Amino acid sequence: MQLTDVRYKYTKIRHFALTYLSLLTVFIGTAQKTYYVSLTGDDSNSGLSQKDSWRTITYAASLESPVLPGDVVYIKAGNYGNENVVFETDGTARNQITFEGYLSSPGDSPKLNWNYGDNLNPNVMPLLDGGDRTCGIGITLNNRKYINLKNIQISNYEIGLYALKTYKVNVNNIVAMYFGDVNEDYHGKGIAFGWKYNQFVGSHNTIENCIVFNACAEGLSAYGNNNRINNCRIYSDDNSTGHKSAMDYYIHVGGNNNIIENCYVERIGDLKHNGHGIDLKRDCENNIIRNCVAKNMKINGYELRHRGVRNNLIINCKAINCGYTVRDGASNNTIRNCVADGADSAILFFDTTEDEGAQYAGRYNVFENCIFRNTKENVIKFFHYNPATLSIIDNNTFMNCVFDGGEYLINADRENIDNKMVNCIVTNVQNYSRSTFFSRNPLAVNFNFEYSNFWNNGFENPKGLKIYSFDPLFVDVNNGNYRLESESPCIGLGTSSKAPRMDFDGNLRNKRKIDIGPFQYKKGIKLEKK
């Protein structure tokens, strides 16, 4: 081996060793630090102790502060006033940046225990109060990655928390109230991740345990993919300027593969705006809405809206005094194990011109194991909307559902074809159909019925395949228990063709003996009733 070869190998080894030592030094030099913010602090302090804390959250989040990936910033309870906090530093996958509010001891996880009617309390968690709900943004997280934000109150801005084009940003226990100019149209947002539908969107973000009250336009919105909204509550009761002050969208999602779960939205009082409870709009595929409650929306407890809304699942959800809306071409979606109780119209189909003109209202949507009870007017409504939007509603299916109550089973103000009920129970409905808009020349109801039971209704049984008429013998219909007693004639009379694999309770159905209705009979129901 020549001397030059030896020197070359030595040089490579030395270069590798120096590079490794350099990286090790950088890693050690950037070990996690903890900083503090309090009302008694000063931004010229080191921030490294509670006694030497910074004064503003704005400084801590800015590039001027020494906060680096892996660091934690603890923010003591108090009213921090009109700050406009802009996060300017990213964390990393292995070293996220955390900003966390606390009551008296860092990490004590303060709980505001906010319920409707309560005010915010800066003595429990740090509060940002903009003082003017017509302008400003409380917290901005645009273009940020790997940030955790916990235990903050926000009030009186145009937008409470704004996060455009974010990735792996997690917000937890954010309580936000009063956003937007009540004299402007569609103005003000509580917590907003992303903007529009194909621009400024984010992904893999998490919004948990958050509350928004009285944001005029949007309570909580997320545009993007693979985001998760969990255990959030959204309320509106502001009718001071009617349609402008009452919240428009409560939870509003655009994008793919998002999860909305364990959430609650409520429209309180007879507000001028009907309200959109939990809404999927524009291009939305493979999203899941589960274990949620929407209450008192005038029409749309849950809304599937536009032709790009496809292949989504709504499961184990409840609509109180509202129902489920399919509109503007939303198709191939599944609503499973859901309840609508006390709606004006439990299921609403219609089309408008807002998504590339009227084409079809919705098709190939499936309702499985659902319960629609105490409906005030129409159980299923094919809504007219206006003369320019009279497109068809076709090929939607109701499988193993129960329909208990209502003035009309079907309101047909739109052409309809090849929609059907299979393995369903219809009871206590006064009339079969009507056409309110075309009352002189009513539209035909082209609905197929198969393996279904009609009992105690105010109309003759419709024609169909295997139509029955007998008391289904529910366990306790008055209290909404539609499980079948052991003597129920609905046991085993359904068809297994395309029947749901599991029932409302999550029990596997017997493929050889499919029961009619949402529940597969199990022994012991008699004891449960007693």
Protein backbone atom coordinates (compact mmCIF):
# COMPACT_ATOMS: atom_id res chain seq x y z
CA MET A 1 0.00 0.00 0.00
CA GLN A 2 1.38 3.39 -0.93
CA LEU A 3 1.83 6.21 1.56
CA THR A 4 -0.72 8.34 -0.26
CA ASP A 5 -3.38 5.65 0.22
CA VAL A 6 -2.67 5.50 3.95
CA ARG A 7 -2.93 9.27 4.27
CA TYR A 8 -6.19 9.25 2.29
CA LYS A 9 -7.78 6.65 4.59
CA TYR A 10 -6.51 8.45 7.69
CA THR A 11 -7.97 11.71 6.42
CA LYS A 12 -11.41 10.08 5.85
CA ILE A 13 -11.44 8.50 9.31
CA ARG A 14 -10.40 11.78 10.94
CA HIS A 15 -13.10 13.70 9.02
CA PHE A 16 -15.79 11.20 10.11
CA ALA A 17 -14.66 11.36 13.75
CA LEU A 18 -14.68 15.16 13.80
CA THR A 19 -18.12 15.27 12.19
CA TYR A 20 -19.50 12.82 14.77
CA LEU A 21 -18.00 14.78 17.67
CA SER A 22 -19.38 18.01 16.22
CA LEU A 23 -22.89 16.58 15.98
CA LEU A 24 -22.62 15.15 19.49
CA THR A 25 -21.55 18.54 20.81
CA VAL A 26 -24.50 20.23 19.10
CA PHE A 27 -26.89 17.65 20.51
CA ILE A 28 -25.55 18.05 24.04
CA GLY A 29 -25.50 21.83 23.69
CA THR A 30 -29.18 21.93 22.77
CA ALA A 31 -30.52 19.83 25.64
CA GLN A 32 -34.06 20.61 26.73
CA LYS A 33 -34.58 23.78 28.72
CA THR A 34 -37.56 25.02 30.68
CA TYR A 35 -38.69 28.64 30.53
CA TYR A 36 -41.36 30.57 32.41
CA VAL A 37 -43.79 33.40 31.65
CA SER A 38 -45.76 35.32 34.28
CA LEU A 39 -47.39 38.71 34.82
CA THR A 40 -44.58 39.66 37.21
CA GLY A 41 -41.84 38.88 34.71
CA ASP A 42 -39.84 40.94 32.22
CA ASP A 43 -38.89 40.00 28.67
CA SER A 44 -35.31 41.06 29.42
CA ASN A 45 -35.02 38.31 32.04
CA SER A 46 -33.48 34.92 31.33
CA GLY A 47 -36.85 33.18 31.65
CA LEU A 48 -35.15 30.20 33.26
CA SER A 49 -36.97 30.34 36.59
CA GLN A 50 -40.31 31.50 37.92
CA LYS A 51 -38.57 34.38 39.70
CA ASP A 52 -36.73 35.37 36.52
CA SER A 53 -39.66 34.79 34.15
CA TRP A 54 -40.57 36.56 30.94
CA ARG A 55 -43.56 38.87 30.82
CA THR A 56 -45.22 38.07 27.48
CA ILE A 57 -46.19 34.95 25.62
CA THR A 58 -45.50 36.92 22.44
CA TYR A 59 -41.80 37.22 23.29
CA ALA A 60 -41.51 33.56 24.27
CA ALA A 61 -42.97 32.45 20.92
CA SER A 62 -40.86 34.81 18.80
CA LEU A 63 -37.46 34.34 17.18
CA GLU A 64 -36.07 36.86 19.67
CA SER A 65 -36.40 34.35 22.50
CA PRO A 66 -33.89 31.49 22.99
CA VAL A 67 -36.61 28.81 22.81
CA LEU A 68 -35.41 25.85 20.73
CA PRO A 69 -36.74 22.38 19.82
CA GLY A 70 -37.35 20.27 22.91
CA ASP A 71 -37.92 23.25 25.20
CA VAL A 72 -40.94 23.77 27.44
CA VAL A 73 -42.48 27.16 28.25
CA TYR A 74 -44.75 27.31 31.31
CA ILE A 75 -47.22 30.20 31.43
CA LYS A 76 -48.71 31.14 34.78
CA ALA A 77 -52.41 31.95 35.13
CA GLY A 78 -53.39 35.59 34.70
CA ASN A 79 -54.85 38.09 32.24
CA TYR A 80 -52.18 38.80 29.62
CA GLY A 81 -54.42 41.28 27.84
CA ASN A 82 -54.24 42.14 24.16
CA GLU A 83 -51.31 40.07 22.99
CA ASN A 84 -51.01 38.89 19.39
CA VAL A 85 -48.88 35.80 19.81
CA VAL A 86 -47.06 34.60 16.68
CA PHE A 87 -45.12 31.34 16.88
CA GLU A 88 -41.90 31.65 14.87
CA THR A 89 -39.89 28.55 15.81
CA ASP A 90 -40.51 24.92 14.87
CA GLY A 91 -39.98 21.87 16.97
CA THR A 92 -38.83 18.58 15.52
CA ALA A 93 -40.28 15.09 15.47
CA ARG A 94 -38.07 14.04 18.40
CA ASN A 95 -37.99 17.40 20.17
CA GLN A 96 -41.30 19.20 20.13
CA ILE A 97 -41.79 22.67 21.58
CA THR A 98 -44.43 22.90 24.32
CA PHE A 99 -46.23 25.99 25.62
CA GLU A 100 -48.35 25.07 28.63
CA GLY A 101 -50.49 27.15 30.96
CA TYR A 102 -50.61 26.36 34.67
CA LEU A 103 -52.46 27.49 37.79
CA SER A 104 -49.86 27.68 40.56
CA SER A 105 -47.31 24.95 39.93
CA PRO A 106 -45.85 24.24 36.48
CA GLY A 107 -47.43 21.11 35.04
CA ASP A 108 -50.42 21.14 37.40
CA SER A 109 -52.89 20.70 34.49
CA PRO A 110 -55.47 23.36 35.42
CA LYS A 111 -59.09 22.54 34.73
CA LEU A 112 -61.43 25.43 34.06
CA ASN A 113 -64.46 23.07 34.15
CA TRP A 114 -66.26 25.48 31.84
CA ASN A 115 -69.95 24.89 31.27
CA TYR A 116 -72.46 26.90 29.29
CA GLY A 117 -73.20 30.12 31.15
CA ASP A 118 -69.76 30.40 32.75
CA ASN A 119 -67.31 33.23 32.18
CA LEU A 120 -63.61 32.81 31.56
CA ASN A 121 -61.38 32.88 34.64
CA PRO A 122 -57.79 34.17 34.33
CA ASN A 123 -57.11 33.02 37.89
CA VAL A 124 -57.23 29.41 36.69
CA MET A 125 -55.51 29.53 33.28
CA PRO A 126 -53.68 32.23 31.31
CA LEU A 127 -56.02 34.47 29.32
CA LEU A 128 -55.44 36.45 26.13
CA ASP A 129 -58.10 39.17 25.86
CA GLY A 130 -58.00 41.26 22.70
CA GLY A 131 -60.65 43.65 23.99
CA ASP A 132 -62.18 44.05 20.50
CA ARG A 133 -63.78 41.08 18.78
CA THR A 134 -63.80 42.81 15.39
CA CYS A 135 -60.05 42.62 14.75
CA GLY A 136 -56.81 40.85 15.56
CA ILE A 137 -55.69 37.27 16.07
CA GLY A 138 -54.98 35.89 19.53
CA ILE A 139 -52.54 33.15 18.56
CA THR A 140 -50.99 32.53 15.12
CA LEU A 141 -49.30 29.23 14.30
CA ASN A 142 -48.91 29.57 10.53
CA ASN A 143 -46.37 27.26 8.87
CA ARG A 144 -45.35 25.74 12.19
CA LYS A 145 -44.39 22.13 12.92
CA TYR A 146 -44.22 20.05 16.09
CA ILE A 147 -45.75 22.55 18.52
CA ASN A 148 -47.82 21.63 21.60
CA LEU A 149 -50.10 24.31 23.07
CA LYS A 150 -52.08 23.61 26.25
CA ASN A 151 -54.30 25.31 28.82
CA ILE A 152 -54.95 28.76 27.32
CA GLN A 153 -58.04 30.99 27.32
CA ILE A 154 -58.68 33.37 24.39
CA SER A 155 -61.36 36.04 24.07
CA ASN A 156 -62.39 39.06 22.00
CA TYR A 157 -60.48 38.85 18.73
CA GLU A 158 -61.56 38.43 15.14
CA ILE A 159 -59.90 35.00 15.25
CA GLY A 160 -58.91 33.19 18.42
CA LEU A 161 -56.33 30.71 17.15
CA TYR A 162 -55.20 30.62 13.51
CA ALA A 163 -53.02 27.84 12.09
CA LEU A 164 -52.33 27.77 8.34
CA LYS A 165 -50.19 25.08 6.71
CA THR A 166 -49.28 23.43 10.00
CA TYR A 167 -47.93 19.92 10.60
CA LYS A 168 -48.05 17.93 13.84
CA VAL A 169 -49.37 20.89 15.84
CA ASN A 170 -51.35 19.82 18.91
CA VAL A 171 -53.66 22.13 20.84
CA ASN A 172 -55.29 20.94 24.06
CA ASN A 173 -57.65 22.61 26.53
CA ILE A 174 -58.08 25.88 24.65
CA VAL A 175 -61.20 27.74 25.83
CA ALA A 176 -62.25 30.49 23.44
CA MET A 177 -65.13 33.01 23.54
CA TYR A 178 -66.47 35.92 21.46
CA PHE A 179 -65.04 36.23 17.95
CA GLY A 180 -66.07 38.34 14.97
CA ASP A 181 -67.96 41.52 14.23
CA VAL A 182 -71.65 40.87 14.89
CA ASN A 183 -72.52 43.55 12.33
CA GLU A 184 -70.62 41.89 9.47
CA ASP A 185 -71.51 38.90 7.33
CA TYR A 186 -69.57 35.71 8.02
CA HIS A 187 -66.95 37.26 10.26
CA GLY A 188 -64.98 35.70 13.11
CA LYS A 189 -63.54 32.27 13.91
CA GLY A 190 -62.74 30.55 17.18
CA ILE A 191 -60.13 27.91 16.34
CA ALA A 192 -59.21 27.65 12.66
CA PHE A 193 -56.72 25.20 11.19
CA GLY A 194 -56.25 25.96 7.50
CA TRP A 195 -58.13 28.22 5.11
CA LYS A 196 -60.07 27.37 1.97
CA TYR A 197 -59.97 23.83 0.65
CA ASN A 198 -56.86 23.38 -1.46
CA GLN A 199 -54.79 26.25 -0.12
CA PHE A 200 -53.10 26.88 3.21
CA VAL A 201 -54.14 23.47 4.53
CA GLY A 202 -52.36 21.47 7.21
CA SER A 203 -52.06 17.82 8.17
CA HIS A 204 -51.61 15.50 11.13
CA ASN A 205 -52.73 18.13 13.63
CA THR A 206 -54.69 17.40 16.82
CA ILE A 207 -57.34 19.58 18.49
CA GLU A 208 -58.46 18.14 21.83
CA ASN A 209 -60.57 19.15 24.82
CA CYS A 210 -61.28 22.59 23.38
CA ILE A 211 -64.32 24.84 23.80
CA VAL A 212 -65.56 27.63 21.54
CA PHE A 213 -68.47 29.92 22.42
CA ASN A 214 -70.02 32.52 20.08
CA ALA A 215 -67.76 32.76 17.06
CA CYS A 216 -69.92 34.34 14.37
CA ALA A 217 -68.70 32.47 11.28
CA GLU A 218 -66.92 29.29 12.39
CA GLY A 219 -66.52 27.73 15.79
CA LEU A 220 -63.88 25.12 15.01
CA SER A 221 -62.63 24.45 11.49
CA ALA A 222 -59.96 22.19 10.03
CA TYR A 223 -58.93 22.14 6.39
CA GLY A 224 -56.43 19.47 5.44
CA ASN A 225 -55.72 15.78 5.85
CA ASN A 226 -55.18 13.34 8.70
CA ASN A 227 -56.24 15.78 11.41
CA ARG A 228 -58.00 14.73 14.62
CA ILE A 229 -60.63 16.67 16.55
CA ASN A 230 -61.45 15.02 19.86
CA ASN A 231 -63.69 15.89 22.81
CA CYS A 232 -64.42 19.47 21.77
CA ARG A 233 -67.56 21.47 22.55
CA ILE A 234 -68.96 24.31 20.45
CA TYR A 235 -71.86 26.58 21.50
CA SER A 236 -73.74 29.57 20.14
CA ASP A 237 -76.53 31.63 21.71
CA ASP A 238 -75.94 35.11 20.25
CA ASN A 239 -79.00 36.41 18.41
CA SER A 240 -78.18 40.09 18.99
CA THR A 241 -77.91 40.87 15.27
CA GLY A 242 -79.72 37.82 14.00
CA HIS A 243 -78.14 35.95 11.13
CA LYS A 244 -74.81 37.80 11.50
CA SER A 245 -74.17 37.15 15.19
CA ALA A 246 -75.43 33.55 15.38
CA MET A 247 -72.78 30.96 14.56
CA ASP A 248 -72.82 29.60 11.02
CA TYR A 249 -70.57 26.51 11.17
CA TYR A 250 -69.95 24.80 14.50
CA ILE A 251 -67.42 22.12 13.44
CA HIS A 252 -66.41 22.55 9.81
CA VAL A 253 -64.04 20.13 8.07
CA GLY A 254 -62.56 19.98 4.57
CA GLY A 255 -60.04 17.34 3.53
CA ASN A 256 -59.36 13.63 3.71
CA ASN A 257 -58.77 11.02 6.41
CA ASN A 258 -59.75 13.30 9.29
CA ILE A 259 -61.34 12.05 12.52
CA ILE A 260 -63.95 14.00 14.50
CA GLU A 261 -64.90 12.15 17.67
CA ASN A 262 -66.52 12.61 21.08
CA CYS A 263 -67.56 16.16 20.20
CA TYR A 264 -70.65 18.17 21.17
CA VAL A 265 -72.22 21.10 19.33
CA GLU A 266 -75.26 23.06 20.47
CA ARG A 267 -77.31 25.90 19.05
CA ILE A 268 -78.98 27.45 22.08
CA GLY A 269 -82.31 29.19 21.61
CA ASP A 270 -84.25 30.07 18.48
CA LEU A 271 -81.37 31.75 16.67
CA LYS A 272 -81.88 33.44 13.34
CA HIS A 273 -79.24 31.27 11.69
CA ASN A 274 -80.21 27.62 11.33
CA GLY A 275 -76.64 26.52 12.04
CA HIS A 276 -74.49 23.78 10.51
CA GLY A 277 -73.61 21.36 13.30
CA ILE A 278 -70.83 19.02 12.14
CA ASP A 279 -70.13 19.57 8.48
CA LEU A 280 -68.03 17.96 5.72
CA LYS A 281 -67.76 20.20 2.67
CA ARG A 282 -66.03 20.43 -0.72
CA ASP A 283 -63.47 17.65 -1.26
CA CYS A 284 -63.78 15.28 1.69
CA GLU A 285 -63.06 11.57 1.52
CA ASN A 286 -62.51 8.83 4.07
CA ASN A 287 -63.32 10.99 7.08
CA ILE A 288 -64.85 9.55 10.24
CA ILE A 289 -67.33 11.30 12.54
CA ARG A 290 -68.01 9.16 15.60
CA ASN A 291 -69.53 9.34 19.08
CA CYS A 292 -70.67 12.94 18.61
CA VAL A 293 -73.82 14.87 19.58
CA ALA A 294 -75.41 17.74 17.66
CA LYS A 295 -78.24 19.55 19.40
CA ASN A 296 -80.92 22.00 18.28
CA MET A 297 -79.60 22.83 14.81
CA LYS A 298 -82.63 23.96 12.87
CA ILE A 299 -81.88 21.58 10.00
CA ASN A 300 -78.32 20.31 9.75
CA GLY A 301 -77.13 18.38 12.77
CA TYR A 302 -74.71 16.54 10.49
CA GLU A 303 -74.14 17.72 6.94
CA LEU A 304 -72.52 16.00 3.94
CA ARG A 305 -72.19 18.73 1.36
CA HIS A 306 -70.85 18.80 -2.23
CA ARG A 307 -69.92 16.25 -4.86
CA GLY A 308 -66.42 15.75 -3.52
CA VAL A 309 -67.83 14.47 -0.20
CA ARG A 310 -67.54 10.71 -0.68
CA ASN A 311 -66.75 7.54 1.22
CA ASN A 312 -67.12 9.10 4.66
CA LEU A 313 -68.49 7.42 7.79
CA ILE A 314 -70.76 8.88 10.47
CA ILE A 315 -71.05 6.32 13.26
CA ASN A 316 -72.54 6.16 16.78
CA CYS A 317 -73.71 9.77 16.62
CA LYS A 318 -76.84 11.48 17.88
CA ALA A 319 -78.84 14.42 16.58
CA ILE A 320 -81.21 16.04 19.08
CA ASN A 321 -83.94 18.27 17.60
CA CYS A 322 -82.14 18.08 14.25
CA GLY A 323 -81.15 15.50 11.68
CA TYR A 324 -78.84 14.41 8.87
CA THR A 325 -78.44 16.30 5.59
CA VAL A 326 -77.11 14.99 2.28
CA ARG A 327 -76.84 17.69 -0.34
CA ASP A 328 -75.16 18.97 -3.48
CA GLY A 329 -74.13 15.55 -4.72
CA ALA A 330 -72.56 13.97 -1.61
CA SER A 331 -72.39 10.26 -2.42
CA ASN A 332 -71.19 6.83 -1.30
CA ASN A 333 -71.24 7.82 2.37
CA THR A 334 -72.35 5.65 5.30
CA ILE A 335 -74.37 6.76 8.33
CA ARG A 336 -74.27 3.88 10.80
CA ASN A 337 -75.68 3.28 14.30
CA CYS A 338 -76.94 6.86 14.52
CA VAL A 339 -79.99 8.46 16.13
CA ALA A 340 -82.13 11.46 15.26
CA ASP A 341 -84.56 12.44 18.00
CA GLY A 342 -87.12 15.25 17.64
CA ALA A 343 -86.06 16.59 14.24
CA ASP A 344 -88.36 18.59 11.98
CA SER A 345 -87.02 16.40 9.15
CA ALA A 346 -84.86 13.48 10.22
CA ILE A 347 -83.18 12.97 6.81
CA LEU A 348 -82.90 15.76 4.27
CA PHE A 349 -81.77 15.48 0.64
CA PHE A 350 -81.41 18.46 -1.69
CA ASP A 351 -79.25 20.16 -4.29
CA THR A 352 -78.20 23.75 -5.04
CA THR A 353 -76.15 25.43 -7.75
CA GLU A 354 -73.15 26.20 -5.52
CA ASP A 355 -71.09 23.15 -6.55
CA GLU A 356 -70.84 23.39 -10.36
CA GLY A 357 -74.58 23.67 -10.83
CA ALA A 358 -77.40 21.32 -9.90
CA GLN A 359 -76.64 17.75 -11.07
CA TYR A 360 -77.84 15.26 -8.47
CA ALA A 361 -78.62 15.69 -4.79
CA GLY A 362 -76.87 12.57 -3.50
CA ARG A 363 -76.61 8.93 -4.44
CA TYR A 364 -75.39 5.59 -3.11
CA ASN A 365 -75.50 6.79 0.49
CA VAL A 366 -76.36 4.11 3.04
CA PHE A 367 -78.07 4.52 6.43
CA GLU A 368 -77.45 1.40 8.58
CA ASN A 369 -78.85 0.45 12.00
CA CYS A 370 -80.21 3.97 12.52
CA ILE A 371 -83.06 5.14 14.76
CA PHE A 372 -85.26 8.07 13.74
CA ARG A 373 -87.78 8.89 16.46
CA ASN A 374 -90.19 11.65 17.51
CA THR A 375 -89.90 13.35 14.12
CA LYS A 376 -92.14 16.40 13.99
CA GLU A 377 -92.84 16.64 10.24
CA ASN A 378 -91.07 14.63 7.53
CA VAL A 379 -89.08 11.52 8.26
CA ILE A 380 -87.39 11.69 4.84
CA LYS A 381 -87.55 14.96 2.93
CA PHE A 382 -86.59 15.45 -0.70
CA PHE A 383 -86.32 19.22 -0.42
CA HIS A 384 -87.20 21.47 -3.36
CA TYR A 385 -84.86 24.43 -2.55
CA ASN A 386 -85.61 26.42 -5.73
CA PRO A 387 -86.75 25.81 -9.36
CA ALA A 388 -83.17 26.02 -10.70
CA THR A 389 -81.99 23.05 -8.65
CA LEU A 390 -84.49 20.29 -9.39
CA SER A 391 -81.99 17.48 -9.80
CA ILE A 392 -82.61 13.85 -8.95
CA ILE A 393 -82.17 11.90 -5.71
CA ASP A 394 -81.35 8.28 -6.47
CA ASN A 395 -79.97 4.99 -5.21
CA ASN A 396 -79.85 5.73 -1.49
CA THR A 397 -80.52 2.87 0.92
CA PHE A 398 -81.87 2.51 4.46
CA MET A 399 -80.84 -0.85 5.96
CA ASN A 400 -82.10 -2.20 9.30
CA CYS A 401 -83.41 1.14 10.52
CA VAL A 402 -86.41 2.04 12.64
CA PHE A 403 -88.64 5.05 11.92
CA ASP A 404 -90.87 5.87 14.89
CA GLY A 405 -93.14 8.89 14.54
CA GLY A 406 -93.61 11.70 12.06
CA GLU A 407 -96.32 13.49 10.14
CA TYR A 408 -95.13 12.16 6.77
CA LEU A 409 -92.81 9.30 5.94
CA ILE A 410 -91.66 10.95 2.70
CA ASN A 411 -91.90 14.53 1.45
CA ALA A 412 -91.28 14.36 -2.32
CA ASP A 413 -90.50 17.79 -3.71
CA ARG A 414 -87.77 16.46 -5.98
CA GLU A 415 -87.56 13.69 -8.56
CA ASN A 416 -86.53 10.45 -6.89
CA ILE A 417 -85.79 6.95 -8.10
CA ASP A 418 -84.35 3.66 -6.86
CA ASN A 419 -84.13 4.68 -3.21
CA LYS A 420 -85.08 1.85 -0.90
CA MET A 421 -85.72 0.51 2.59
CA VAL A 422 -84.58 -2.99 3.52
CA ASN A 423 -85.07 -4.77 6.87
CA CYS A 424 -86.67 -1.63 8.33
CA ILE A 425 -89.48 -0.95 10.78
CA VAL A 426 -91.85 1.99 10.26
CA THR A 427 -94.25 2.76 13.09
CA ASN A 428 -96.48 5.58 14.36
CA VAL A 429 -96.16 7.68 11.19
CA GLN A 430 -99.36 9.53 10.29
CA ASN A 431 -99.16 9.77 6.49
CA TYR A 432 -97.22 8.10 3.72
CA SER A 433 -96.20 11.02 1.49
CA ARG A 434 -96.84 14.54 0.31
CA SER A 435 -95.44 17.10 -2.07
CA THR A 436 -95.63 20.51 -0.41
CA PHE A 437 -94.21 22.58 -3.27
CA PHE A 438 -95.95 20.64 -6.05
CA SER A 439 -99.21 20.21 -4.19
CA ARG A 440 -101.39 20.46 -7.33
CA ASN A 441 -99.34 17.97 -9.33
CA PRO A 442 -97.38 16.06 -6.70
CA LEU A 443 -94.23 14.24 -7.70
CA ALA A 444 -94.29 10.47 -7.54
CA VAL A 445 -92.58 8.62 -4.73
CA ASN A 446 -90.39 5.97 -6.34
CA PHE A 447 -89.27 4.11 -3.25
CA ASN A 448 -88.60 0.39 -3.04
CA PHE A 449 -89.49 -1.49 0.14
CA GLU A 450 -88.11 -4.93 0.96
CA TYR A 451 -88.36 -7.16 4.04
CA SER A 452 -89.83 -4.33 6.11
CA ASN A 453 -92.52 -4.06 8.75
CA PHE A 454 -95.16 -1.30 8.92
CA TRP A 455 -97.10 -1.06 12.18
CA ASN A 456 -99.67 1.36 13.61
CA ASN A 457 -99.31 3.93 10.86
CA GLY A 458 -102.01 6.19 9.43
CA PHE A 459 -101.63 4.82 5.89
CA GLU A 460 -101.87 1.54 4.04
CA ASN A 461 -98.74 -0.50 3.72
CA PRO A 462 -96.81 0.34 0.56
CA LYS A 463 -96.25 -2.35 -2.02
CA GLY A 464 -92.96 -4.16 -2.02
CA LEU A 465 -91.13 -7.41 -1.46
CA LYS A 466 -91.92 -9.15 1.82
CA ILE A 467 -93.90 -6.37 3.52
CA TYR A 468 -95.22 -7.21 6.99
CA SER A 469 -97.65 -5.62 9.40
CA PHE A 470 -97.39 -6.71 13.01
CA ASP A 471 -96.46 -5.33 16.39
CA PRO A 472 -92.64 -5.45 16.49
CA LEU A 473 -92.68 -5.87 20.28
CA PHE A 474 -89.95 -3.45 21.23
CA VAL A 475 -88.54 -3.69 24.74
CA ASP A 476 -89.37 -0.08 25.74
CA VAL A 477 -90.36 2.19 22.87
CA ASN A 478 -91.25 5.11 25.16
CA ASN A 479 -87.67 5.34 26.34
CA GLY A 480 -86.11 4.69 22.96
CA ASN A 481 -85.21 1.04 23.51
CA TYR A 482 -85.94 -0.61 20.15
CA ARG A 483 -84.40 -3.98 20.99
CA LEU A 484 -86.71 -6.88 20.24
CA GLU A 485 -88.44 -9.01 22.84
CA SER A 486 -88.12 -12.75 22.55
CA GLU A 487 -91.62 -13.07 21.04
CA SER A 488 -91.06 -10.38 18.39
CA PRO A 489 -92.20 -11.48 14.93
CA CYS A 490 -89.38 -9.34 13.47
CA ILE A 491 -86.82 -11.93 14.54
CA GLY A 492 -85.34 -13.79 11.59
CA LEU A 493 -87.53 -12.21 8.90
CA GLY A 494 -84.90 -9.98 7.27
CA THR A 495 -82.69 -10.61 4.28
CA SER A 496 -78.97 -11.16 4.65
CA SER A 497 -78.27 -9.50 1.30
CA LYS A 498 -76.08 -6.45 2.06
CA ALA A 499 -77.29 -6.45 5.66
CA PRO A 500 -74.92 -4.80 8.17
CA ARG A 501 -72.44 -7.29 9.61
CA MET A 502 -73.01 -5.94 13.13
CA ASP A 503 -76.06 -4.46 14.84
CA PHE A 504 -76.53 -1.15 16.70
CA ASP A 505 -74.93 -2.58 19.85
CA GLY A 506 -71.91 -3.93 17.98
CA ASN A 507 -73.09 -7.54 18.11
CA LEU A 508 -72.40 -9.78 15.13
CA ARG A 509 -75.55 -10.59 13.20
CA ASN A 510 -76.54 -14.17 12.51
CA LYS A 511 -76.18 -14.40 8.72
CA ARG A 512 -78.71 -17.22 8.61
CA LYS A 513 -81.26 -15.36 10.69
CA ILE A 514 -81.28 -11.60 10.10
CA ASP A 515 -83.71 -9.66 12.28
CA ILE A 516 -85.64 -6.64 11.05
CA GLY A 517 -84.59 -3.37 12.68
CA PRO A 518 -81.32 -2.03 14.15
CA PHE A 519 -80.89 -4.74 16.82
CA GLN A 520 -80.19 -8.44 16.50
CA TYR A 521 -82.19 -10.26 19.17
CA LYS A 522 -80.19 -11.64 22.09
CA LYS A 523 -81.48 -13.82 24.90
CA GLY A 524 -82.12 -12.07 28.17
CA ILE A 525 -83.99 -9.09 26.76
CA LYS A 526 -87.02 -9.91 28.90
CA LEU A 527 -84.94 -9.61 32.05
CA GLU A 528 -83.56 -6.29 30.84
CA LYS A 529 -87.07 -4.94 30.42
CA LYS A 530 -88.04 -5.96 33.96
